[in-house]
Amino acid sequence: MQNPADAKRILEAALLAAQEPMSVNELKRLFDNEIGADTLKNLLEELREQWSPRAVELVSLASGWRFQTRAEFQPYIERLQTEKPPRYSRAVMETLAIIAYRQPVTRGDIEDIRGVVVSGQIVQTLENRGWIDVVGHRETPGRPALYATTRRFLDDLGLRSLQELPPLEEVAQTLQLEPAPAQQVSEAELRPDAEDEPHAAAATGTDG
């Protein structure tokens, strides 16, 4: 069995080499499962503390652990990127926000809140980005699909769970969404404790 110092070096190497966050179960395989989950989590916390003074940090996300550049240095890193990240429209932002704060929801639910028909292109954009997925079907006529956000969505926001969701403005900024004008759906309308009645008039058109 590895001593703690060597085990942390192995964890460090694996996480620095990983392309995606790694779960505790995945990391246990580094040691042929000889190190228990609780011990492994303690080692990860110690490793996170050791990296705390540096420009790169070890974080715990919905999908697992990963190293990432600290937020204050991201603007400098972006100067080296030849391609700008895509910026999504207000319609995409509102649809994503409704799914995030009221999930699981159908396209009909989203249309009731937004007051316009949700185009298939908007849903496909969010699915292609890996931020939403179908998690079931509502037992009503037509059995419409129920959409919810994914772990990838939380990972991209730097979160471990939906309980950590920030205000909508921070979500838009982090995910490179275009800011919406003043008439956008409010956060109060999207919270789970909001009223269940539709928050907007009947559909009047489409957008994308």
N, C-alpha and C. Protein backbone atom coordinates (compact mmCIF):
# COMPACT_ATOMS: atom_id res chain seq x y z
N MET A 1 0.84 -1.20 0.00
CA MET A 1 0.00 0.00 0.00
C MET A 1 0.88 1.25 0.00
N GLN A 2 0.48 2.26 -0.76
CA GLN A 2 1.25 3.47 -0.89
C GLN A 2 1.21 4.28 0.41
N ASN A 3 2.34 4.96 0.73
CA ASN A 3 2.28 5.88 1.86
C ASN A 3 1.56 7.14 1.39
N PRO A 4 1.05 7.97 2.32
CA PRO A 4 0.23 9.13 1.92
C PRO A 4 0.93 10.07 0.95
N ALA A 5 2.22 10.33 1.15
CA ALA A 5 2.93 11.26 0.27
C ALA A 5 2.98 10.74 -1.17
N ASP A 6 3.29 9.46 -1.32
CA ASP A 6 3.35 8.87 -2.66
C ASP A 6 1.96 8.80 -3.28
N ALA A 7 0.96 8.49 -2.46
CA ALA A 7 -0.41 8.40 -2.97
C ALA A 7 -0.86 9.75 -3.53
N LYS A 8 -0.53 10.83 -2.84
CA LYS A 8 -0.90 12.16 -3.32
C LYS A 8 -0.18 12.51 -4.62
N ARG A 9 1.05 12.07 -4.76
CA ARG A 9 1.78 12.32 -6.01
C ARG A 9 1.13 11.56 -7.17
N ILE A 10 0.67 10.36 -6.91
CA ILE A 10 -0.01 9.57 -7.94
C ILE A 10 -1.33 10.24 -8.32
N LEU A 11 -2.07 10.69 -7.32
CA LEU A 11 -3.33 11.39 -7.58
C LEU A 11 -3.07 12.66 -8.39
N GLU A 12 -2.05 13.38 -8.00
CA GLU A 12 -1.70 14.62 -8.69
C GLU A 12 -1.40 14.36 -10.17
N ALA A 13 -0.60 13.34 -10.43
CA ALA A 13 -0.24 13.01 -11.81
C ALA A 13 -1.46 12.61 -12.63
N ALA A 14 -2.32 11.79 -12.04
CA ALA A 14 -3.50 11.31 -12.76
C ALA A 14 -4.46 12.46 -13.07
N LEU A 15 -4.67 13.34 -12.11
CA LEU A 15 -5.61 14.43 -12.30
C LEU A 15 -5.07 15.48 -13.28
N LEU A 16 -3.78 15.71 -13.27
CA LEU A 16 -3.19 16.65 -14.22
C LEU A 16 -3.24 16.10 -15.65
N ALA A 17 -3.19 14.79 -15.78
CA ALA A 17 -3.23 14.18 -17.11
C ALA A 17 -4.65 13.99 -17.63
N ALA A 18 -5.63 14.02 -16.74
CA ALA A 18 -7.01 13.72 -17.13
C ALA A 18 -7.62 14.83 -17.98
N GLN A 19 -8.44 14.45 -18.94
CA GLN A 19 -9.15 15.40 -19.79
C GLN A 19 -10.49 15.81 -19.20
N GLU A 20 -11.02 14.97 -18.33
CA GLU A 20 -12.32 15.21 -17.70
C GLU A 20 -12.19 15.00 -16.20
N PRO A 21 -13.15 15.53 -15.41
CA PRO A 21 -13.12 15.27 -13.96
C PRO A 21 -13.12 13.77 -13.67
N MET A 22 -12.44 13.38 -12.60
CA MET A 22 -12.35 11.97 -12.24
C MET A 22 -13.05 11.75 -10.90
N SER A 23 -13.92 10.74 -10.86
CA SER A 23 -14.64 10.42 -9.63
C SER A 23 -13.75 9.68 -8.65
N VAL A 24 -14.20 9.60 -7.42
CA VAL A 24 -13.44 8.88 -6.40
C VAL A 24 -13.31 7.41 -6.78
N ASN A 25 -14.38 6.84 -7.34
CA ASN A 25 -14.31 5.42 -7.75
C ASN A 25 -13.26 5.20 -8.83
N GLU A 26 -13.16 6.15 -9.76
CA GLU A 26 -12.13 6.04 -10.80
C GLU A 26 -10.74 6.16 -10.20
N LEU A 27 -10.58 7.08 -9.28
CA LEU A 27 -9.27 7.30 -8.67
C LEU A 27 -8.85 6.12 -7.79
N LYS A 28 -9.80 5.41 -7.23
CA LYS A 28 -9.48 4.23 -6.42
C LYS A 28 -8.76 3.17 -7.25
N ARG A 29 -9.06 3.14 -8.55
CA ARG A 29 -8.43 2.14 -9.42
C ARG A 29 -6.93 2.36 -9.54
N LEU A 30 -6.48 3.56 -9.26
CA LEU A 30 -5.04 3.83 -9.29
C LEU A 30 -4.30 2.98 -8.27
N PHE A 31 -4.99 2.60 -7.22
CA PHE A 31 -4.37 1.87 -6.11
C PHE A 31 -4.96 0.46 -5.96
N ASP A 32 -5.52 -0.06 -7.06
CA ASP A 32 -6.15 -1.39 -7.03
C ASP A 32 -7.17 -1.51 -5.92
N ASN A 33 -7.87 -0.39 -5.66
CA ASN A 33 -8.91 -0.34 -4.63
C ASN A 33 -8.40 -0.66 -3.23
N GLU A 34 -7.12 -0.51 -3.01
CA GLU A 34 -6.55 -0.76 -1.68
C GLU A 34 -6.77 0.43 -0.74
N ILE A 35 -7.08 1.59 -1.30
CA ILE A 35 -7.35 2.77 -0.49
C ILE A 35 -8.85 3.04 -0.51
N GLY A 36 -9.45 3.17 0.66
CA GLY A 36 -10.88 3.39 0.77
C GLY A 36 -11.29 4.79 0.34
N ALA A 37 -12.59 4.96 0.10
CA ALA A 37 -13.11 6.24 -0.39
C ALA A 37 -12.85 7.37 0.59
N ASP A 38 -13.05 7.12 1.88
CA ASP A 38 -12.85 8.18 2.87
C ASP A 38 -11.40 8.61 2.93
N THR A 39 -10.48 7.65 2.91
CA THR A 39 -9.06 7.99 2.93
C THR A 39 -8.68 8.77 1.68
N LEU A 40 -9.24 8.33 0.55
CA LEU A 40 -8.94 9.00 -0.72
C LEU A 40 -9.43 10.44 -0.70
N LYS A 41 -10.62 10.67 -0.15
CA LYS A 41 -11.16 12.03 -0.07
C LYS A 41 -10.27 12.90 0.83
N ASN A 42 -9.76 12.33 1.90
CA ASN A 42 -8.87 13.09 2.79
C ASN A 42 -7.58 13.46 2.06
N LEU A 43 -7.05 12.53 1.27
CA LEU A 43 -5.85 12.81 0.50
C LEU A 43 -6.10 13.90 -0.53
N LEU A 44 -7.27 13.87 -1.16
CA LEU A 44 -7.62 14.89 -2.14
C LEU A 44 -7.75 16.27 -1.49
N GLU A 45 -8.32 16.30 -0.29
CA GLU A 45 -8.45 17.56 0.42
C GLU A 45 -7.06 18.11 0.78
N GLU A 46 -6.17 17.22 1.19
CA GLU A 46 -4.80 17.66 1.50
C GLU A 46 -4.10 18.18 0.24
N LEU A 47 -4.34 17.50 -0.87
CA LEU A 47 -3.75 17.93 -2.14
C LEU A 47 -4.31 19.28 -2.56
N ARG A 48 -5.61 19.46 -2.35
CA ARG A 48 -6.23 20.75 -2.68
C ARG A 48 -5.60 21.87 -1.85
N GLU A 49 -5.37 21.60 -0.59
CA GLU A 49 -4.76 22.60 0.28
C GLU A 49 -3.33 22.93 -0.17
N GLN A 50 -2.59 21.92 -0.59
CA GLN A 50 -1.22 22.14 -1.03
C GLN A 50 -1.17 23.03 -2.28
N TRP A 51 -2.18 22.93 -3.12
CA TRP A 51 -2.23 23.73 -4.35
C TRP A 51 -2.88 25.09 -4.15
N SER A 52 -3.40 25.38 -2.97
CA SER A 52 -4.17 26.60 -2.75
C SER A 52 -3.42 27.90 -3.05
N PRO A 53 -2.07 27.97 -2.85
CA PRO A 53 -1.40 29.24 -3.16
C PRO A 53 -1.09 29.43 -4.65
N ARG A 54 -1.41 28.45 -5.48
CA ARG A 54 -0.96 28.47 -6.85
C ARG A 54 -2.05 28.97 -7.80
N ALA A 55 -1.67 29.19 -9.06
CA ALA A 55 -2.61 29.70 -10.06
C ALA A 55 -3.59 28.64 -10.54
N VAL A 56 -3.26 27.39 -10.30
CA VAL A 56 -4.13 26.27 -10.64
C VAL A 56 -4.68 25.67 -9.34
N GLU A 57 -5.96 25.33 -9.34
CA GLU A 57 -6.59 24.80 -8.14
C GLU A 57 -7.20 23.44 -8.40
N LEU A 58 -7.30 22.63 -7.36
CA LEU A 58 -7.98 21.35 -7.41
C LEU A 58 -9.38 21.55 -6.87
N VAL A 59 -10.39 21.18 -7.66
CA VAL A 59 -11.77 21.42 -7.27
C VAL A 59 -12.58 20.13 -7.35
N SER A 60 -13.62 20.09 -6.54
CA SER A 60 -14.57 18.98 -6.54
C SER A 60 -15.83 19.42 -7.27
N LEU A 61 -16.20 18.69 -8.34
CA LEU A 61 -17.35 19.03 -9.16
C LEU A 61 -18.38 17.90 -9.14
N ALA A 62 -19.45 18.09 -9.90
CA ALA A 62 -20.50 17.07 -9.94
C ALA A 62 -19.98 15.73 -10.44
N SER A 63 -19.07 15.75 -11.44
CA SER A 63 -18.57 14.51 -12.03
C SER A 63 -17.33 13.98 -11.34
N GLY A 64 -16.72 14.77 -10.48
CA GLY A 64 -15.50 14.32 -9.82
C GLY A 64 -14.53 15.46 -9.56
N TRP A 65 -13.25 15.13 -9.49
CA TRP A 65 -12.20 16.10 -9.18
C TRP A 65 -11.41 16.46 -10.42
N ARG A 66 -10.95 17.73 -10.48
CA ARG A 66 -10.10 18.13 -11.59
C ARG A 66 -9.26 19.35 -11.19
N PHE A 67 -8.17 19.53 -11.90
CA PHE A 67 -7.38 20.74 -11.77
C PHE A 67 -7.89 21.74 -12.80
N GLN A 68 -7.96 23.02 -12.41
CA GLN A 68 -8.38 24.06 -13.34
C GLN A 68 -7.71 25.38 -12.98
N THR A 69 -7.61 26.25 -13.97
CA THR A 69 -7.05 27.57 -13.74
C THR A 69 -7.99 28.38 -12.85
N ARG A 70 -7.43 29.10 -11.91
CA ARG A 70 -8.26 29.94 -11.06
C ARG A 70 -8.92 31.03 -11.90
N ALA A 71 -10.13 31.41 -11.48
CA ALA A 71 -10.95 32.33 -12.26
C ALA A 71 -10.25 33.64 -12.57
N GLU A 72 -9.45 34.16 -11.62
CA GLU A 72 -8.83 35.46 -11.84
C GLU A 72 -7.77 35.45 -12.94
N PHE A 73 -7.31 34.24 -13.31
CA PHE A 73 -6.31 34.14 -14.37
C PHE A 73 -6.91 33.77 -15.73
N GLN A 74 -8.20 33.45 -15.75
CA GLN A 74 -8.83 33.01 -16.99
C GLN A 74 -8.78 34.06 -18.09
N PRO A 75 -8.97 35.35 -17.79
CA PRO A 75 -8.89 36.35 -18.87
C PRO A 75 -7.55 36.35 -19.60
N TYR A 76 -6.46 36.05 -18.87
CA TYR A 76 -5.15 36.01 -19.51
C TYR A 76 -5.02 34.77 -20.40
N ILE A 77 -5.57 33.65 -19.93
CA ILE A 77 -5.51 32.41 -20.72
C ILE A 77 -6.30 32.57 -22.02
N GLU A 78 -7.42 33.30 -21.94
CA GLU A 78 -8.26 33.48 -23.12
C GLU A 78 -7.55 34.24 -24.23
N ARG A 79 -6.55 35.04 -23.87
CA ARG A 79 -5.80 35.78 -24.89
C ARG A 79 -5.00 34.85 -25.79
N LEU A 80 -4.73 33.65 -25.32
CA LEU A 80 -3.98 32.68 -26.11
C LEU A 80 -4.87 31.83 -27.00
N GLN A 81 -6.18 31.92 -26.79
CA GLN A 81 -7.11 31.10 -27.56
C GLN A 81 -7.43 31.77 -28.88
N THR A 82 -7.21 31.04 -29.97
CA THR A 82 -7.44 31.60 -31.29
C THR A 82 -8.92 31.65 -31.65
N GLU A 83 -9.71 30.76 -31.05
CA GLU A 83 -11.15 30.74 -31.33
C GLU A 83 -11.91 31.20 -30.09
N LYS A 84 -12.82 32.13 -30.28
CA LYS A 84 -13.64 32.60 -29.18
C LYS A 84 -14.74 31.58 -28.89
N PRO A 85 -15.07 31.37 -27.61
CA PRO A 85 -16.15 30.44 -27.29
C PRO A 85 -17.48 30.97 -27.82
N PRO A 86 -18.40 30.09 -28.19
CA PRO A 86 -19.68 30.55 -28.73
C PRO A 86 -20.48 31.29 -27.68
N ARG A 87 -21.22 32.30 -28.14
CA ARG A 87 -22.13 33.01 -27.26
C ARG A 87 -23.55 32.69 -27.70
N TYR A 88 -24.37 32.30 -26.73
CA TYR A 88 -25.71 31.84 -27.05
C TYR A 88 -26.73 32.95 -26.87
N SER A 89 -27.82 32.82 -27.60
CA SER A 89 -28.84 33.86 -27.65
C SER A 89 -29.64 33.94 -26.36
N ARG A 90 -30.42 35.01 -26.25
CA ARG A 90 -31.31 35.19 -25.10
C ARG A 90 -32.30 34.03 -25.01
N ALA A 91 -32.80 33.56 -26.17
CA ALA A 91 -33.76 32.45 -26.16
C ALA A 91 -33.14 31.19 -25.58
N VAL A 92 -31.89 30.93 -25.97
CA VAL A 92 -31.19 29.76 -25.43
C VAL A 92 -30.95 29.93 -23.94
N MET A 93 -30.57 31.13 -23.53
CA MET A 93 -30.31 31.40 -22.11
C MET A 93 -31.55 31.18 -21.27
N GLU A 94 -32.67 31.72 -21.72
CA GLU A 94 -33.90 31.59 -20.95
C GLU A 94 -34.34 30.13 -20.86
N THR A 95 -34.21 29.40 -21.97
CA THR A 95 -34.59 27.98 -21.97
C THR A 95 -33.72 27.19 -21.01
N LEU A 96 -32.41 27.42 -21.07
CA LEU A 96 -31.50 26.73 -20.16
C LEU A 96 -31.80 27.08 -18.70
N ALA A 97 -32.07 28.35 -18.44
CA ALA A 97 -32.34 28.78 -17.07
C ALA A 97 -33.61 28.11 -16.53
N ILE A 98 -34.65 28.04 -17.35
CA ILE A 98 -35.90 27.41 -16.91
C ILE A 98 -35.66 25.93 -16.60
N ILE A 99 -34.92 25.25 -17.48
CA ILE A 99 -34.63 23.84 -17.22
C ILE A 99 -33.81 23.68 -15.95
N ALA A 100 -32.82 24.55 -15.75
CA ALA A 100 -31.94 24.44 -14.59
C ALA A 100 -32.69 24.66 -13.28
N TYR A 101 -33.56 25.65 -13.25
CA TYR A 101 -34.21 26.03 -11.99
C TYR A 101 -35.55 25.34 -11.75
N ARG A 102 -36.14 24.74 -12.79
CA ARG A 102 -37.46 24.11 -12.61
C ARG A 102 -37.49 22.65 -13.05
N GLN A 103 -36.36 22.04 -13.29
CA GLN A 103 -36.31 20.68 -13.81
C GLN A 103 -36.94 19.65 -12.88
N PRO A 104 -37.45 18.55 -13.50
CA PRO A 104 -37.53 18.29 -14.94
C PRO A 104 -38.74 18.99 -15.54
N VAL A 105 -38.60 19.46 -16.77
CA VAL A 105 -39.66 20.19 -17.45
C VAL A 105 -39.81 19.71 -18.88
N THR A 106 -41.00 19.90 -19.44
CA THR A 106 -41.25 19.60 -20.85
C THR A 106 -41.12 20.88 -21.66
N ARG A 107 -41.10 20.73 -22.97
CA ARG A 107 -41.08 21.93 -23.82
C ARG A 107 -42.33 22.75 -23.58
N GLY A 108 -43.45 22.09 -23.29
CA GLY A 108 -44.69 22.82 -22.99
C GLY A 108 -44.55 23.67 -21.74
N ASP A 109 -43.88 23.13 -20.71
CA ASP A 109 -43.65 23.91 -19.49
C ASP A 109 -42.82 25.16 -19.79
N ILE A 110 -41.78 24.96 -20.60
CA ILE A 110 -40.90 26.08 -20.95
C ILE A 110 -41.68 27.14 -21.72
N GLU A 111 -42.54 26.70 -22.63
CA GLU A 111 -43.33 27.64 -23.42
C GLU A 111 -44.32 28.39 -22.55
N ASP A 112 -44.90 27.73 -21.54
CA ASP A 112 -45.81 28.41 -20.63
C ASP A 112 -45.10 29.53 -19.88
N ILE A 113 -43.87 29.29 -19.48
CA ILE A 113 -43.13 30.29 -18.71
C ILE A 113 -42.62 31.41 -19.61
N ARG A 114 -42.06 31.04 -20.77
CA ARG A 114 -41.46 32.05 -21.66
C ARG A 114 -42.51 32.80 -22.47
N GLY A 115 -43.64 32.17 -22.73
CA GLY A 115 -44.69 32.84 -23.49
C GLY A 115 -44.51 32.77 -24.99
N VAL A 116 -43.54 31.97 -25.46
CA VAL A 116 -43.34 31.77 -26.90
C VAL A 116 -43.03 30.30 -27.15
N VAL A 117 -43.22 29.88 -28.39
CA VAL A 117 -42.92 28.51 -28.77
C VAL A 117 -41.41 28.30 -28.72
N VAL A 118 -40.98 27.19 -28.15
CA VAL A 118 -39.56 26.86 -28.08
C VAL A 118 -39.19 26.05 -29.31
N SER A 119 -38.32 26.58 -30.14
CA SER A 119 -37.95 25.89 -31.36
C SER A 119 -37.09 24.66 -31.05
N GLY A 120 -37.17 23.67 -31.92
CA GLY A 120 -36.35 22.48 -31.75
C GLY A 120 -34.87 22.77 -31.80
N GLN A 121 -34.49 23.83 -32.51
CA GLN A 121 -33.09 24.20 -32.63
C GLN A 121 -32.50 24.61 -31.28
N ILE A 122 -33.30 25.29 -30.46
CA ILE A 122 -32.83 25.70 -29.15
C ILE A 122 -32.53 24.48 -28.29
N VAL A 123 -33.47 23.55 -28.26
CA VAL A 123 -33.28 22.33 -27.46
C VAL A 123 -32.08 21.54 -27.99
N GLN A 124 -31.97 21.44 -29.30
CA GLN A 124 -30.85 20.69 -29.90
C GLN A 124 -29.51 21.35 -29.56
N THR A 125 -29.48 22.68 -29.56
CA THR A 125 -28.25 23.39 -29.21
C THR A 125 -27.79 23.02 -27.80
N LEU A 126 -28.71 22.99 -26.86
CA LEU A 126 -28.38 22.67 -25.47
C LEU A 126 -28.00 21.19 -25.32
N GLU A 127 -28.68 20.32 -26.08
CA GLU A 127 -28.32 18.90 -26.03
C GLU A 127 -26.94 18.67 -26.63
N ASN A 128 -26.66 19.32 -27.76
CA ASN A 128 -25.36 19.15 -28.40
C ASN A 128 -24.22 19.65 -27.51
N ARG A 129 -24.49 20.67 -26.73
CA ARG A 129 -23.47 21.21 -25.82
C ARG A 129 -23.28 20.31 -24.61
N GLY A 130 -24.21 19.37 -24.41
CA GLY A 130 -24.10 18.46 -23.29
C GLY A 130 -24.64 19.01 -21.98
N TRP A 131 -25.44 20.09 -22.07
CA TRP A 131 -25.95 20.73 -20.85
C TRP A 131 -27.30 20.20 -20.41
N ILE A 132 -28.09 19.62 -21.33
CA ILE A 132 -29.39 19.06 -20.96
C ILE A 132 -29.54 17.68 -21.59
N ASP A 133 -30.47 16.91 -21.03
CA ASP A 133 -30.74 15.58 -21.57
C ASP A 133 -32.16 15.19 -21.20
N VAL A 134 -32.71 14.22 -21.93
CA VAL A 134 -34.04 13.69 -21.61
C VAL A 134 -33.89 12.71 -20.47
N VAL A 135 -34.67 12.92 -19.40
CA VAL A 135 -34.56 12.07 -18.21
C VAL A 135 -35.81 11.23 -17.98
N GLY A 136 -36.78 11.35 -18.88
CA GLY A 136 -38.01 10.58 -18.73
C GLY A 136 -39.10 11.20 -19.59
N HIS A 137 -40.34 10.72 -19.36
CA HIS A 137 -41.49 11.24 -20.09
C HIS A 137 -42.65 11.44 -19.12
N ARG A 138 -43.37 12.52 -19.29
CA ARG A 138 -44.52 12.80 -18.44
C ARG A 138 -45.68 11.91 -18.87
N GLU A 139 -46.36 11.35 -17.89
CA GLU A 139 -47.46 10.43 -18.19
C GLU A 139 -48.74 11.21 -18.47
N THR A 140 -48.71 11.94 -19.57
CA THR A 140 -49.86 12.67 -20.08
C THR A 140 -49.98 12.34 -21.57
N PRO A 141 -51.10 12.70 -22.21
CA PRO A 141 -51.23 12.39 -23.64
C PRO A 141 -50.03 12.87 -24.44
N GLY A 142 -49.50 11.96 -25.26
CA GLY A 142 -48.33 12.27 -26.05
C GLY A 142 -47.02 11.98 -25.34
N ARG A 143 -47.05 11.74 -24.03
CA ARG A 143 -45.87 11.44 -23.21
C ARG A 143 -44.69 12.35 -23.59
N PRO A 144 -44.83 13.66 -23.35
CA PRO A 144 -43.76 14.59 -23.73
C PRO A 144 -42.49 14.32 -22.94
N ALA A 145 -41.36 14.57 -23.57
CA ALA A 145 -40.06 14.34 -22.94
C ALA A 145 -39.83 15.33 -21.80
N LEU A 146 -39.20 14.85 -20.73
CA LEU A 146 -38.82 15.68 -19.60
C LEU A 146 -37.33 15.98 -19.70
N TYR A 147 -36.99 17.25 -19.63
CA TYR A 147 -35.59 17.67 -19.75
C TYR A 147 -35.03 18.09 -18.39
N ALA A 148 -33.76 17.78 -18.20
CA ALA A 148 -33.04 18.20 -16.99
C ALA A 148 -31.60 18.50 -17.38
N THR A 149 -30.92 19.23 -16.52
CA THR A 149 -29.51 19.53 -16.79
C THR A 149 -28.65 18.31 -16.46
N THR A 150 -27.44 18.32 -16.99
CA THR A 150 -26.51 17.20 -16.84
C THR A 150 -25.39 17.55 -15.87
N ARG A 151 -24.58 16.55 -15.56
CA ARG A 151 -23.39 16.80 -14.76
C ARG A 151 -22.41 17.69 -15.51
N ARG A 152 -22.40 17.57 -16.84
CA ARG A 152 -21.54 18.43 -17.64
C ARG A 152 -21.88 19.90 -17.43
N PHE A 153 -23.17 20.20 -17.34
CA PHE A 153 -23.62 21.56 -17.08
C PHE A 153 -23.05 22.06 -15.75
N LEU A 154 -23.15 21.24 -14.71
CA LEU A 154 -22.61 21.62 -13.40
C LEU A 154 -21.09 21.75 -13.46
N ASP A 155 -20.44 20.82 -14.15
CA ASP A 155 -18.98 20.89 -14.27
C ASP A 155 -18.55 22.20 -14.92
N ASP A 156 -19.26 22.60 -15.98
CA ASP A 156 -18.89 23.82 -16.70
C ASP A 156 -19.12 25.07 -15.85
N LEU A 157 -20.04 24.96 -14.89
CA LEU A 157 -20.26 26.06 -13.97
C LEU A 157 -19.36 25.99 -12.74
N GLY A 158 -18.63 24.86 -12.61
CA GLY A 158 -17.77 24.70 -11.45
C GLY A 158 -18.53 24.35 -10.19
N LEU A 159 -19.64 23.60 -10.33
CA LEU A 159 -20.50 23.28 -9.19
C LEU A 159 -20.53 21.78 -8.92
N ARG A 160 -20.90 21.44 -7.69
CA ARG A 160 -21.06 20.03 -7.32
C ARG A 160 -22.51 19.58 -7.37
N SER A 161 -23.45 20.50 -7.16
CA SER A 161 -24.87 20.12 -7.15
C SER A 161 -25.72 21.31 -7.56
N LEU A 162 -26.99 21.04 -7.85
CA LEU A 162 -27.92 22.10 -8.24
C LEU A 162 -28.17 23.09 -7.11
N GLN A 163 -27.98 22.64 -5.87
CA GLN A 163 -28.18 23.53 -4.73
C GLN A 163 -27.19 24.70 -4.74
N GLU A 164 -26.11 24.58 -5.50
CA GLU A 164 -25.10 25.63 -5.56
C GLU A 164 -25.33 26.58 -6.74
N LEU A 165 -26.44 26.42 -7.45
CA LEU A 165 -26.69 27.28 -8.61
C LEU A 165 -26.63 28.76 -8.21
N PRO A 166 -25.87 29.56 -8.95
CA PRO A 166 -25.75 30.99 -8.64
C PRO A 166 -26.89 31.77 -9.28
N PRO A 167 -26.94 33.09 -9.07
CA PRO A 167 -27.94 33.91 -9.77
C PRO A 167 -27.80 33.77 -11.28
N LEU A 168 -28.88 34.05 -11.98
CA LEU A 168 -28.90 33.86 -13.43
C LEU A 168 -27.81 34.66 -14.13
N GLU A 169 -27.52 35.86 -13.65
CA GLU A 169 -26.51 36.68 -14.30
C GLU A 169 -25.15 35.99 -14.28
N GLU A 170 -24.82 35.31 -13.19
CA GLU A 170 -23.54 34.61 -13.10
C GLU A 170 -23.52 33.40 -14.02
N VAL A 171 -24.66 32.71 -14.14
CA VAL A 171 -24.74 31.57 -15.06
C VAL A 171 -24.45 32.04 -16.48
N ALA A 172 -25.08 33.14 -16.88
CA ALA A 172 -24.91 33.67 -18.24
C ALA A 172 -23.46 34.05 -18.49
N GLN A 173 -22.83 34.69 -17.52
CA GLN A 173 -21.44 35.13 -17.70
C GLN A 173 -20.50 33.94 -17.80
N THR A 174 -20.70 32.94 -16.96
CA THR A 174 -19.81 31.78 -16.93
C THR A 174 -19.94 30.95 -18.20
N LEU A 175 -21.16 30.79 -18.70
CA LEU A 175 -21.40 29.93 -19.86
C LEU A 175 -21.38 30.70 -21.18
N GLN A 176 -20.88 31.93 -21.17
CA GLN A 176 -20.76 32.71 -22.39
C GLN A 176 -22.11 32.90 -23.08
N LEU A 177 -23.09 33.36 -22.30
CA LEU A 177 -24.41 33.62 -22.86
C LEU A 177 -24.58 35.12 -23.07
N GLU A 178 -25.28 35.48 -24.11
CA GLU A 178 -25.54 36.89 -24.33
C GLU A 178 -26.46 37.41 -23.24
N PRO A 179 -26.18 38.60 -22.68
CA PRO A 179 -27.07 39.15 -21.66
C PRO A 179 -28.45 39.42 -22.23
N ALA A 180 -29.47 39.10 -21.46
CA ALA A 180 -30.84 39.30 -21.92
C ALA A 180 -31.32 40.70 -21.54
N PRO A 181 -32.23 41.29 -22.32
CA PRO A 181 -32.78 42.59 -21.97
C PRO A 181 -33.67 42.49 -20.73
N ALA A 182 -34.19 43.62 -20.31
CA ALA A 182 -34.88 43.69 -19.03
C ALA A 182 -36.10 42.79 -18.95
N GLN A 183 -36.72 42.48 -20.12
CA GLN A 183 -37.96 41.69 -20.05
C GLN A 183 -37.72 40.19 -19.96
N GLN A 184 -36.47 39.74 -19.74
CA GLN A 184 -36.22 38.32 -19.64
C GLN A 184 -36.94 37.71 -18.44
N VAL A 185 -37.11 36.41 -18.45
CA VAL A 185 -37.74 35.70 -17.34
C VAL A 185 -36.92 35.96 -16.08
N SER A 186 -37.58 36.28 -14.99
CA SER A 186 -36.87 36.60 -13.76
C SER A 186 -36.50 35.35 -13.00
N GLU A 187 -35.50 35.49 -12.13
CA GLU A 187 -35.07 34.34 -11.32
C GLU A 187 -36.17 33.87 -10.40
N ALA A 188 -36.98 34.80 -9.88
CA ALA A 188 -38.05 34.43 -8.96
C ALA A 188 -39.04 33.49 -9.62
N GLU A 189 -39.25 33.67 -10.93
CA GLU A 189 -40.18 32.81 -11.66
C GLU A 189 -39.64 31.40 -11.83
N LEU A 190 -38.32 31.25 -11.76
CA LEU A 190 -37.70 29.97 -12.09
C LEU A 190 -37.43 29.11 -10.86
N ARG A 191 -37.40 29.71 -9.69
CA ARG A 191 -37.09 28.94 -8.49
C ARG A 191 -38.15 27.89 -8.24
N PRO A 192 -37.77 26.71 -7.67
CA PRO A 192 -38.73 25.63 -7.46
C PRO A 192 -39.92 26.01 -6.60
N ASP A 193 -39.76 27.04 -5.73
CA ASP A 193 -40.87 27.40 -4.86
C ASP A 193 -41.78 28.45 -5.50
N ALA A 194 -41.51 28.75 -6.77
CA ALA A 194 -42.37 29.70 -7.46
C ALA A 194 -43.72 29.05 -7.73
N GLU A 195 -44.73 29.89 -8.03
CA GLU A 195 -46.07 29.35 -8.29
C GLU A 195 -46.05 28.43 -9.49
N ASP A 196 -46.95 27.45 -9.47
CA ASP A 196 -47.00 26.48 -10.55
C ASP A 196 -47.81 26.98 -11.74
N GLU A 197 -48.51 28.09 -11.58
CA GLU A 197 -49.30 28.61 -12.69
C GLU A 197 -48.37 29.15 -13.77
N PRO A 198 -48.79 29.14 -15.02
CA PRO A 198 -47.95 29.70 -16.09
C PRO A 198 -47.60 31.14 -15.78
N HIS A 199 -46.37 31.55 -16.10
CA HIS A 199 -45.89 32.88 -15.78
C HIS A 199 -45.94 33.83 -16.96
N ALA A 200 -46.52 33.38 -18.07
CA ALA A 200 -46.58 34.26 -19.22
C ALA A 200 -47.83 33.94 -20.01
N ALA A 201 -48.14 34.81 -20.95
CA ALA A 201 -49.32 34.59 -21.77
C ALA A 201 -49.12 33.40 -22.68
N ALA A 202 -50.19 33.03 -23.39
CA ALA A 202 -50.10 31.90 -24.30
C ALA A 202 -49.09 32.20 -25.40
N ALA A 203 -48.58 31.13 -26.03
CA ALA A 203 -47.54 31.29 -27.04
C ALA A 203 -48.01 32.24 -28.14
N THR A 204 -47.09 33.13 -28.52
CA THR A 204 -47.43 34.11 -29.54
C THR A 204 -46.54 34.05 -30.75
N GLY A 205 -45.48 33.21 -30.70
CA GLY A 205 -44.58 33.15 -31.83
C GLY A 205 -43.46 32.18 -31.57
N THR A 206 -42.43 32.24 -32.37
CA THR A 206 -41.29 31.37 -32.19
C THR A 206 -40.02 32.20 -32.19
N ASP A 207 -38.96 31.63 -31.68
CA ASP A 207 -37.66 32.29 -31.74
C ASP A 207 -36.58 31.25 -31.75
N GLY A 208 -35.37 31.65 -31.90
CA GLY A 208 -34.25 30.73 -31.92
C GLY A 208 -32.99 31.47 -31.74
